[in-house]
PDB file of all heavy atoms in Angstrom:
ATOM      1  N   SER A   1     -18.555  31.051  46.102  1.00  0.00           N
ATOM      2  CA  SER A   1     -17.196  31.190  46.402  1.00  0.00           C
ATOM      3  C   SER A   1     -16.929  32.367  47.352  1.00  0.00           C
ATOM      4  O   SER A   1     -16.089  32.253  48.289  1.00  0.00           O
ATOM      5  CB  SER A   1     -16.368  31.444  45.128  1.00  0.00           C
ATOM      6  OG  SER A   1     -14.977  31.508  45.283  1.00  0.00           O
ATOM      7  N   LEU A   2     -17.623  33.472  47.140  1.00  0.00           N
ATOM      8  CA  LEU A   2     -17.463  34.611  48.057  1.00  0.00           C
ATOM      9  C   LEU A   2     -17.943  34.285  49.507  1.00  0.00           C
ATOM     10  O   LEU A   2     -17.285  34.542  50.469  1.00  0.00           O
ATOM     11  CB  LEU A   2     -18.241  35.839  47.600  1.00  0.00           C
ATOM     12  CG  LEU A   2     -17.678  36.614  46.383  1.00  0.00           C
ATOM     13  CD1 LEU A   2     -18.654  37.599  45.913  1.00  0.00           C
ATOM     14  CD2 LEU A   2     -16.440  37.342  46.921  1.00  0.00           C
ATOM     15  N   LEU A   3     -19.039  33.560  49.581  1.00  0.00           N
ATOM     16  CA  LEU A   3     -19.531  33.168  50.856  1.00  0.00           C
ATOM     17  C   LEU A   3     -18.503  32.274  51.678  1.00  0.00           C
ATOM     18  O   LEU A   3     -18.363  32.545  52.818  1.00  0.00           O
ATOM     19  CB  LEU A   3     -20.893  32.400  50.723  1.00  0.00           C
ATOM     20  CG  LEU A   3     -22.026  33.282  50.561  1.00  0.00           C
ATOM     21  CD1 LEU A   3     -23.199  32.503  49.948  1.00  0.00           C
ATOM     22  CD2 LEU A   3     -22.470  33.962  51.783  1.00  0.00           C
ATOM     23  N   ARG A   4     -17.927  31.329  50.957  1.00  0.00           N
ATOM     24  CA  ARG A   4     -16.992  30.411  51.614  1.00  0.00           C
ATOM     25  C   ARG A   4     -15.603  31.042  51.840  1.00  0.00           C
ATOM     26  O   ARG A   4     -15.062  31.061  52.971  1.00  0.00           O
ATOM     27  CB  ARG A   4     -16.822  29.157  50.865  1.00  0.00           C
ATOM     28  CG  ARG A   4     -18.005  28.308  50.734  1.00  0.00           C
ATOM     29  CD  ARG A   4     -18.264  27.617  52.081  1.00  0.00           C
ATOM     30  NE  ARG A   4     -19.317  26.549  51.932  1.00  0.00           N
ATOM     31  CZ  ARG A   4     -20.191  26.210  52.821  1.00  0.00           C
ATOM     32  NH1 ARG A   4     -20.141  26.784  53.967  1.00  0.00           N
ATOM     33  NH2 ARG A   4     -21.033  25.289  52.603  1.00  0.00           N
ATOM     34  N   SER A   5     -15.047  31.618  50.845  1.00  0.00           N
ATOM     35  CA  SER A   5     -13.626  32.072  50.893  1.00  0.00           C
ATOM     36  C   SER A   5     -13.439  33.480  51.563  1.00  0.00           C
ATOM     37  O   SER A   5     -12.624  33.592  52.365  1.00  0.00           O
ATOM     38  CB  SER A   5     -13.056  32.201  49.438  1.00  0.00           C
ATOM     39  OG  SER A   5     -13.091  30.925  48.878  1.00  0.00           O
ATOM     40  N   ARG A   6     -14.279  34.399  51.104  1.00  0.00           N
ATOM     41  CA  ARG A   6     -14.095  35.801  51.597  1.00  0.00           C
ATOM     42  C   ARG A   6     -14.847  36.019  52.905  1.00  0.00           C
ATOM     43  O   ARG A   6     -14.391  36.647  53.821  1.00  0.00           O
ATOM     44  CB  ARG A   6     -14.459  36.772  50.586  1.00  0.00           C
ATOM     45  CG  ARG A   6     -14.012  38.174  51.012  1.00  0.00           C
ATOM     46  CD  ARG A   6     -14.146  39.208  49.867  1.00  0.00           C
ATOM     47  NE  ARG A   6     -13.277  38.870  48.795  1.00  0.00           N
ATOM     48  CZ  ARG A   6     -13.356  39.359  47.605  1.00  0.00           C
ATOM     49  NH1 ARG A   6     -14.256  40.226  47.313  1.00  0.00           N
ATOM     50  NH2 ARG A   6     -12.569  38.988  46.618  1.00  0.00           N
ATOM     51  N   LEU A   7     -16.115  35.554  52.918  1.00  0.00           N
ATOM     52  CA  LEU A   7     -16.975  35.875  54.109  1.00  0.00           C
ATOM     53  C   LEU A   7     -16.916  34.855  55.170  1.00  0.00           C
ATOM     54  O   LEU A   7     -17.319  35.051  56.303  1.00  0.00           O
ATOM     55  CB  LEU A   7     -18.405  36.078  53.689  1.00  0.00           C
ATOM     56  CG  LEU A   7     -18.638  37.238  52.697  1.00  0.00           C
ATOM     57  CD1 LEU A   7     -20.096  37.242  52.255  1.00  0.00           C
ATOM     58  CD2 LEU A   7     -18.353  38.517  53.406  1.00  0.00           C
ATOM     59  N   GLY A   8     -16.327  33.666  54.901  1.00  0.00           N
ATOM     60  CA  GLY A   8     -16.081  32.630  55.889  1.00  0.00           C
ATOM     61  C   GLY A   8     -17.326  31.889  56.364  1.00  0.00           C
ATOM     62  O   GLY A   8     -17.415  31.388  57.475  1.00  0.00           O
ATOM     63  N   TYR A   9     -18.403  31.809  55.530  1.00  0.00           N
ATOM     64  CA  TYR A   9     -19.622  31.141  55.907  1.00  0.00           C
ATOM     65  C   TYR A   9     -19.311  29.668  56.045  1.00  0.00           C
ATOM     66  O   TYR A   9     -18.756  29.051  55.144  1.00  0.00           O
ATOM     67  CB  TYR A   9     -20.688  31.381  54.854  1.00  0.00           C
ATOM     68  CG  TYR A   9     -21.974  30.647  55.175  1.00  0.00           C
ATOM     69  CD1 TYR A   9     -22.725  31.031  56.273  1.00  0.00           C
ATOM     70  CD2 TYR A   9     -22.444  29.746  54.378  1.00  0.00           C
ATOM     71  CE1 TYR A   9     -23.925  30.415  56.580  1.00  0.00           C
ATOM     72  CE2 TYR A   9     -23.656  29.023  54.563  1.00  0.00           C
ATOM     73  CZ  TYR A   9     -24.348  29.340  55.673  1.00  0.00           C
ATOM     74  OH  TYR A   9     -25.593  28.744  56.092  1.00  0.00           O
ATOM     75  N   GLU A  10     -19.707  29.059  57.157  1.00  0.00           N
ATOM     76  CA  GLU A  10     -19.525  27.629  57.423  1.00  0.00           C
ATOM     77  C   GLU A  10     -20.781  26.794  57.475  1.00  0.00           C
ATOM     78  O   GLU A  10     -20.674  25.642  57.627  1.00  0.00           O
ATOM     79  CB  GLU A  10     -18.759  27.516  58.734  1.00  0.00           C
ATOM     80  CG  GLU A  10     -17.352  28.184  58.683  1.00  0.00           C
ATOM     81  CD  GLU A  10     -16.510  28.048  59.979  1.00  0.00           C
ATOM     82  OE1 GLU A  10     -17.121  27.484  60.953  1.00  0.00           O
ATOM     83  OE2 GLU A  10     -15.431  28.511  60.073  1.00  0.00           O
ATOM     84  N   GLY A  11     -21.936  27.414  57.300  1.00  0.00           N
ATOM     85  CA  GLY A  11     -23.192  26.636  57.354  1.00  0.00           C
ATOM     86  C   GLY A  11     -23.409  25.921  56.054  1.00  0.00           C
ATOM     87  O   GLY A  11     -22.611  25.889  55.124  1.00  0.00           O
ATOM     88  N   GLU A  12     -24.718  25.441  55.906  1.00  0.00           N
ATOM     89  CA  GLU A  12     -24.978  24.741  54.703  1.00  0.00           C
ATOM     90  C   GLU A  12     -25.186  25.724  53.529  1.00  0.00           C
ATOM     91  O   GLU A  12     -25.906  26.683  53.635  1.00  0.00           O
ATOM     92  CB  GLU A  12     -26.317  23.899  54.921  1.00  0.00           C
ATOM     93  CG  GLU A  12     -26.729  23.088  53.694  1.00  0.00           C
ATOM     94  CD  GLU A  12     -27.910  22.177  53.908  1.00  0.00           C
ATOM     95  OE1 GLU A  12     -28.381  22.134  55.162  1.00  0.00           O
ATOM     96  OE2 GLU A  12     -28.416  21.616  53.009  1.00  0.00           O
ATOM     97  N   LEU A  13     -24.691  25.408  52.443  1.00  0.00           N
ATOM     98  CA  LEU A  13     -24.730  26.231  51.219  1.00  0.00           C
ATOM     99  C   LEU A  13     -25.339  25.307  50.131  1.00  0.00           C
ATOM    100  O   LEU A  13     -24.789  24.264  49.772  1.00  0.00           O
ATOM    101  CB  LEU A  13     -23.373  26.728  50.770  1.00  0.00           C
ATOM    102  CG  LEU A  13     -23.283  27.686  49.627  1.00  0.00           C
ATOM    103  CD1 LEU A  13     -24.160  28.851  49.876  1.00  0.00           C
ATOM    104  CD2 LEU A  13     -21.825  28.120  49.395  1.00  0.00           C
ATOM    105  N   ARG A  14     -26.595  25.715  49.744  1.00  0.00           N
ATOM    106  CA  ARG A  14     -27.340  24.817  48.807  1.00  0.00           C
ATOM    107  C   ARG A  14     -27.525  25.445  47.361  1.00  0.00           C
ATOM    108  O   ARG A  14     -27.852  26.656  47.322  1.00  0.00           O
ATOM    109  CB  ARG A  14     -28.695  24.564  49.422  1.00  0.00           C
ATOM    110  CG  ARG A  14     -29.587  23.724  48.544  1.00  0.00           C
ATOM    111  CD  ARG A  14     -30.952  23.347  49.242  1.00  0.00           C
ATOM    112  NE  ARG A  14     -30.594  22.397  50.262  1.00  0.00           N
ATOM    113  CZ  ARG A  14     -31.446  21.959  51.086  1.00  0.00           C
ATOM    114  NH1 ARG A  14     -32.759  22.297  51.077  1.00  0.00           N
ATOM    115  NH2 ARG A  14     -31.065  21.159  52.111  1.00  0.00           N
ATOM    116  N   ALA A  15     -27.371  24.711  46.299  1.00  0.00           N
ATOM    117  CA  ALA A  15     -27.680  25.149  45.001  1.00  0.00           C
ATOM    118  C   ALA A  15     -29.121  24.776  44.673  1.00  0.00           C
ATOM    119  O   ALA A  15     -29.522  23.677  44.967  1.00  0.00           O
ATOM    120  CB  ALA A  15     -26.713  24.442  44.038  1.00  0.00           C
ATOM    121  N   VAL A  16     -29.907  25.786  44.224  1.00  0.00           N
ATOM    122  CA  VAL A  16     -31.229  25.533  43.804  1.00  0.00           C
ATOM    123  C   VAL A  16     -31.414  26.084  42.440  1.00  0.00           C
ATOM    124  O   VAL A  16     -30.732  26.941  41.956  1.00  0.00           O
ATOM    125  CB  VAL A  16     -32.295  26.265  44.825  1.00  0.00           C
ATOM    126  CG1 VAL A  16     -32.158  25.676  46.264  1.00  0.00           C
ATOM    127  CG2 VAL A  16     -32.122  27.775  44.795  1.00  0.00           C
ATOM    128  N   GLY A  17     -32.449  25.537  41.734  1.00  0.00           N
ATOM    129  CA  GLY A  17     -32.759  25.996  40.386  1.00  0.00           C
ATOM    130  C   GLY A  17     -32.425  24.986  39.375  1.00  0.00           C
ATOM    131  O   GLY A  17     -32.651  23.783  39.502  1.00  0.00           O
ATOM    132  N   ASP A  18     -31.722  25.417  38.292  1.00  0.00           N
ATOM    133  CA  ASP A  18     -31.360  24.538  37.172  1.00  0.00           C
ATOM    134  C   ASP A  18     -29.987  23.897  37.514  1.00  0.00           C
ATOM    135  O   ASP A  18     -28.923  24.250  37.010  1.00  0.00           O
ATOM    136  CB  ASP A  18     -31.210  25.409  35.880  1.00  0.00           C
ATOM    137  CG  ASP A  18     -31.266  24.519  34.634  1.00  0.00           C
ATOM    138  OD1 ASP A  18     -31.482  23.373  34.764  1.00  0.00           O
ATOM    139  OD2 ASP A  18     -30.963  25.116  33.596  1.00  0.00           O
ATOM    140  N   VAL A  19     -30.031  22.862  38.394  1.00  0.00           N
ATOM    141  CA  VAL A  19     -28.821  22.171  38.833  1.00  0.00           C
ATOM    142  C   VAL A  19     -28.656  20.970  37.962  1.00  0.00           C
ATOM    143  O   VAL A  19     -29.441  20.051  37.862  1.00  0.00           O
ATOM    144  CB  VAL A  19     -28.965  21.776  40.285  1.00  0.00           C
ATOM    145  CG1 VAL A  19     -27.811  20.968  40.717  1.00  0.00           C
ATOM    146  CG2 VAL A  19     -29.127  22.917  41.209  1.00  0.00           C
ATOM    147  N   LEU A  20     -27.597  20.997  37.026  1.00  0.00           N
ATOM    148  CA  LEU A  20     -27.377  19.952  36.059  1.00  0.00           C
ATOM    149  C   LEU A  20     -26.144  19.135  36.561  1.00  0.00           C
ATOM    150  O   LEU A  20     -25.233  19.649  37.204  1.00  0.00           O
ATOM    151  CB  LEU A  20     -27.067  20.587  34.762  1.00  0.00           C
ATOM    152  CG  LEU A  20     -28.170  21.444  34.113  1.00  0.00           C
ATOM    153  CD1 LEU A  20     -27.754  21.993  32.842  1.00  0.00           C
ATOM    154  CD2 LEU A  20     -29.469  20.615  33.997  1.00  0.00           C
ATOM    155  N   ILE A  21     -26.069  17.830  36.175  1.00  0.00           N
ATOM    156  CA  ILE A  21     -25.101  16.945  36.628  1.00  0.00           C
ATOM    157  C   ILE A  21     -23.652  17.403  36.220  1.00  0.00           C
ATOM    158  O   ILE A  21     -22.800  17.246  37.057  1.00  0.00           O
ATOM    159  CB  ILE A  21     -25.330  15.524  36.094  1.00  0.00           C
ATOM    160  CG1 ILE A  21     -24.435  14.466  36.695  1.00  0.00           C
ATOM    161  CG2 ILE A  21     -25.239  15.446  34.552  1.00  0.00           C
ATOM    162  CD1 ILE A  21     -24.765  14.171  38.188  1.00  0.00           C
ATOM    163  N   ASP A  22     -23.521  18.067  35.085  1.00  0.00           N
ATOM    164  CA  ASP A  22     -22.155  18.451  34.676  1.00  0.00           C
ATOM    165  C   ASP A  22     -21.671  19.609  35.571  1.00  0.00           C
ATOM    166  O   ASP A  22     -20.427  19.767  35.646  1.00  0.00           O
ATOM    167  CB  ASP A  22     -22.186  18.972  33.258  1.00  0.00           C
ATOM    168  CG  ASP A  22     -22.553  17.839  32.236  1.00  0.00           C
ATOM    169  OD1 ASP A  22     -22.395  16.682  32.686  1.00  0.00           O
ATOM    170  OD2 ASP A  22     -22.892  18.141  31.107  1.00  0.00           O
ATOM    171  N   GLN A  23     -22.527  20.388  36.172  1.00  0.00           N
ATOM    172  CA  GLN A  23     -22.079  21.491  36.932  1.00  0.00           C
ATOM    173  C   GLN A  23     -21.864  21.183  38.419  1.00  0.00           C
ATOM    174  O   GLN A  23     -21.211  21.998  39.171  1.00  0.00           O
ATOM    175  CB  GLN A  23     -23.096  22.630  36.867  1.00  0.00           C
ATOM    176  CG  GLN A  23     -23.209  23.275  35.406  1.00  0.00           C
ATOM    177  CD  GLN A  23     -24.321  24.252  35.301  1.00  0.00           C
ATOM    178  OE1 GLN A  23     -25.333  24.054  35.971  1.00  0.00           O
ATOM    179  NE2 GLN A  23     -24.068  25.171  34.489  1.00  0.00           N
ATOM    180  N   ILE A  24     -22.355  20.071  38.933  1.00  0.00           N
ATOM    181  CA  ILE A  24     -22.246  19.767  40.322  1.00  0.00           C
ATOM    182  C   ILE A  24     -20.777  19.692  40.854  1.00  0.00           C
ATOM    183  O   ILE A  24     -20.489  20.278  41.868  1.00  0.00           O
ATOM    184  CB  ILE A  24     -23.063  18.453  40.685  1.00  0.00           C
ATOM    185  CG1 ILE A  24     -24.570  18.740  40.568  1.00  0.00           C
ATOM    186  CG2 ILE A  24     -22.713  17.913  42.055  1.00  0.00           C
ATOM    187  CD1 ILE A  24     -25.479  17.599  40.738  1.00  0.00           C
ATOM    188  N   PRO A  25     -19.833  19.054  40.071  1.00  0.00           N
ATOM    189  CA  PRO A  25     -18.457  19.021  40.551  1.00  0.00           C
ATOM    190  C   PRO A  25     -17.947  20.456  40.685  1.00  0.00           C
ATOM    191  O   PRO A  25     -17.186  20.735  41.684  1.00  0.00           O
ATOM    192  CB  PRO A  25     -17.670  18.299  39.509  1.00  0.00           C
ATOM    193  CG  PRO A  25     -18.695  17.383  38.893  1.00  0.00           C
ATOM    194  CD  PRO A  25     -20.016  18.182  38.908  1.00  0.00           C
ATOM    195  N   LEU A  26     -18.256  21.347  39.799  1.00  0.00           N
ATOM    196  CA  LEU A  26     -17.823  22.719  39.913  1.00  0.00           C
ATOM    197  C   LEU A  26     -18.453  23.468  41.102  1.00  0.00           C
ATOM    198  O   LEU A  26     -17.793  24.261  41.755  1.00  0.00           O
ATOM    199  CB  LEU A  26     -18.092  23.458  38.634  1.00  0.00           C
ATOM    200  CG  LEU A  26     -17.476  22.805  37.378  1.00  0.00           C
ATOM    201  CD1 LEU A  26     -17.987  23.475  36.084  1.00  0.00           C
ATOM    202  CD2 LEU A  26     -15.931  22.856  37.387  1.00  0.00           C
ATOM    203  N   MET A  27     -19.695  23.160  41.296  1.00  0.00           N
ATOM    204  CA  MET A  27     -20.434  23.773  42.485  1.00  0.00           C
ATOM    205  C   MET A  27     -19.788  23.274  43.761  1.00  0.00           C
ATOM    206  O   MET A  27     -19.648  24.083  44.738  1.00  0.00           O
ATOM    207  CB  MET A  27     -21.936  23.409  42.437  1.00  0.00           C
ATOM    208  CG  MET A  27     -22.588  24.155  41.261  1.00  0.00           C
ATOM    209  SD  MET A  27     -24.373  23.513  41.297  1.00  0.00           S
ATOM    210  CE  MET A  27     -24.961  24.340  39.807  1.00  0.00           C
ATOM    211  N   LEU A  28     -19.388  22.013  43.836  1.00  0.00           N
ATOM    212  CA  LEU A  28     -18.729  21.486  45.056  1.00  0.00           C
ATOM    213  C   LEU A  28     -17.432  22.180  45.243  1.00  0.00           C
ATOM    214  O   LEU A  28     -17.112  22.534  46.407  1.00  0.00           O
ATOM    215  CB  LEU A  28     -18.469  19.963  44.872  1.00  0.00           C
ATOM    216  CG  LEU A  28     -19.663  19.020  45.011  1.00  0.00           C
ATOM    217  CD1 LEU A  28     -19.366  17.702  44.531  1.00  0.00           C
ATOM    218  CD2 LEU A  28     -20.147  19.005  46.456  1.00  0.00           C
ATOM    219  N   ARG A  29     -16.662  22.452  44.188  1.00  0.00           N
ATOM    220  CA  ARG A  29     -15.438  23.191  44.321  1.00  0.00           C
ATOM    221  C   ARG A  29     -15.585  24.649  44.811  1.00  0.00           C
ATOM    222  O   ARG A  29     -14.700  25.191  45.437  1.00  0.00           O
ATOM    223  CB  ARG A  29     -14.618  23.167  43.106  1.00  0.00           C
ATOM    224  CG  ARG A  29     -14.012  21.809  42.772  1.00  0.00           C
ATOM    225  CD  ARG A  29     -13.188  21.782  41.415  1.00  0.00           C
ATOM    226  NE  ARG A  29     -12.195  22.935  41.308  1.00  0.00           N
ATOM    227  CZ  ARG A  29     -11.041  22.953  41.941  1.00  0.00           C
ATOM    228  NH1 ARG A  29     -10.695  22.016  42.755  1.00  0.00           N
ATOM    229  NH2 ARG A  29     -10.268  23.963  41.676  1.00  0.00           N
ATOM    230  N   CYS A  30     -16.748  25.198  44.585  1.00  0.00           N
ATOM    231  CA  CYS A  30     -16.980  26.584  44.954  1.00  0.00           C
ATOM    232  C   CYS A  30     -17.573  26.666  46.375  1.00  0.00           C
ATOM    233  O   CYS A  30     -17.733  27.702  46.912  1.00  0.00           O
ATOM    234  CB  CYS A  30     -18.050  27.245  44.040  1.00  0.00           C
ATOM    235  SG  CYS A  30     -17.385  27.622  42.372  1.00  0.00           S
ATOM    236  N   GLY A  31     -17.831  25.469  47.004  1.00  0.00           N
ATOM    237  CA  GLY A  31     -18.236  25.447  48.404  1.00  0.00           C
ATOM    238  C   GLY A  31     -19.669  24.998  48.607  1.00  0.00           C
ATOM    239  O   GLY A  31     -20.140  24.939  49.763  1.00  0.00           O
ATOM    240  N   VAL A  32     -20.396  24.744  47.549  1.00  0.00           N
ATOM    241  CA  VAL A  32     -21.772  24.331  47.699  1.00  0.00           C
ATOM    242  C   VAL A  32     -21.695  22.873  48.252  1.00  0.00           C
ATOM    243  O   VAL A  32     -20.953  22.026  47.786  1.00  0.00           O
ATOM    244  CB  VAL A  32     -22.483  24.289  46.358  1.00  0.00           C
ATOM    245  CG1 VAL A  32     -23.897  23.661  46.454  1.00  0.00           C
ATOM    246  CG2 VAL A  32     -22.544  25.752  45.783  1.00  0.00           C
ATOM    247  N   ASP A  33     -22.498  22.608  49.237  1.00  0.00           N
ATOM    248  CA  ASP A  33     -22.524  21.277  49.837  1.00  0.00           C
ATOM    249  C   ASP A  33     -23.804  20.480  49.844  1.00  0.00           C
ATOM    250  O   ASP A  33     -23.903  19.330  50.218  1.00  0.00           O
ATOM    251  CB  ASP A  33     -21.982  21.295  51.254  1.00  0.00           C
ATOM    252  CG  ASP A  33     -22.580  22.321  52.184  1.00  0.00           C
ATOM    253  OD1 ASP A  33     -23.717  22.808  51.828  1.00  0.00           O
ATOM    254  OD2 ASP A  33     -22.006  22.685  53.227  1.00  0.00           O
TER     255      ASP A  33
END
């Protein structure tokens, strides 16, 4: 969220590690693509 909203990062933002199906919609809302 900080990268997208406050710092204005526009490149690819990737979630790595323990990525579970239930959390993916929330990660999308935070700016992970």
